[in-house]
Amino acid sequence: MDPHTGAPATALASLTLVGYDLTTVDAYATAAFAMGSAARGWVEEQDELEAFAVTSSGTVWRTSGFHRYVPS
């Protein structure tokens, strides 16, 4: 749910967060998904947290350090 409107969060179709503490990553993933398009900038500001997302229009984005978690 979008906390600002009370409507379902629809900007992102999928969001994956990677970090070191499962509890924190789970809580942050919920918050980031609700943020929609603002999530990318917010995750970039978090220490030791990276993200990969698919928007509702099908485009994808990843934070600057996400490549460290993808096998080459």
Protein backbone atom coordinates (compact mmCIF):
# COMPACT_ATOMS: atom_id res chain seq x y z
CA MET A 1 0.00 0.00 0.00
CA ASP A 2 1.14 3.50 -0.77
CA PRO A 3 1.28 5.15 2.66
CA HIS A 4 0.56 8.57 1.14
CA THR A 5 -2.60 7.63 -0.72
CA GLY A 6 -3.77 4.40 0.88
CA ALA A 7 -4.04 2.91 -2.62
CA PRO A 8 -2.15 -0.17 -3.76
CA ALA A 9 1.48 0.48 -4.68
CA THR A 10 1.67 -0.02 -8.44
CA ALA A 11 4.85 1.70 -9.66
CA LEU A 12 6.99 -1.43 -9.26
CA ALA A 13 6.12 -4.92 -10.45
CA SER A 14 9.06 -6.51 -8.64
CA LEU A 15 11.81 -5.42 -6.27
CA THR A 16 14.76 -7.43 -4.97
CA LEU A 17 17.00 -6.10 -2.23
CA VAL A 18 20.34 -7.58 -1.19
CA GLY A 19 22.06 -6.91 2.12
CA TYR A 20 23.73 -8.52 5.09
CA ASP A 21 20.94 -8.59 7.68
CA LEU A 22 17.81 -10.46 6.61
CA THR A 23 15.48 -8.69 9.04
CA THR A 24 16.63 -5.25 7.91
CA VAL A 25 16.54 -6.17 4.22
CA ASP A 26 12.99 -7.52 4.58
CA ALA A 27 11.76 -4.36 6.30
CA TYR A 28 13.56 -2.10 3.84
CA ALA A 29 12.21 -4.04 0.85
CA THR A 30 8.66 -3.47 2.06
CA ALA A 31 9.32 0.24 2.52
CA ALA A 32 11.11 0.58 -0.83
CA PHE A 33 8.34 -1.19 -2.74
CA ALA A 34 5.80 1.24 -1.29
CA MET A 35 8.04 4.17 -2.36
CA GLY A 36 7.76 3.20 -6.01
CA SER A 37 10.01 5.27 -8.26
CA ALA A 38 11.63 7.04 -5.30
CA ALA A 39 13.02 3.71 -4.06
CA ARG A 40 16.09 3.75 -6.28
CA GLY A 41 17.53 6.93 -4.81
CA TRP A 42 16.61 5.91 -1.29
CA VAL A 43 18.30 2.50 -1.59
CA GLU A 44 21.42 4.13 -3.07
CA GLU A 45 21.69 6.16 0.16
CA GLN A 46 21.56 3.06 2.39
CA ASP A 47 24.85 1.47 3.44
CA GLU A 48 25.36 -2.16 2.41
CA LEU A 49 22.06 -2.41 0.53
CA GLU A 50 21.52 -2.89 -3.22
CA ALA A 51 18.42 -3.33 -5.36
CA PHE A 52 17.12 -4.64 -8.67
CA ALA A 53 13.63 -3.64 -9.80
CA VAL A 54 11.14 -4.14 -12.60
CA THR A 55 8.70 -1.28 -13.05
CA SER A 56 5.05 -1.76 -13.90
CA SER A 57 5.87 -0.71 -17.48
CA GLY A 58 8.49 -3.49 -17.77
CA THR A 59 11.67 -1.43 -17.58
CA VAL A 60 14.38 -2.50 -15.17
CA TRP A 61 16.80 -0.63 -12.97
CA ARG A 62 19.49 -1.60 -10.49
CA THR A 63 21.49 0.32 -7.93
CA SER A 64 25.12 1.08 -8.61
CA GLY A 65 26.53 -1.81 -6.55
CA PHE A 66 24.05 -4.52 -7.50
CA HIS A 67 26.49 -5.97 -10.07
CA ARG A 68 28.56 -7.37 -7.17
CA TYR A 69 25.78 -9.89 -6.50
CA VAL A 70 25.34 -11.10 -10.08
CA PRO A 71 27.64 -13.82 -11.39
CA SER A 72 29.59 -12.78 -14.47
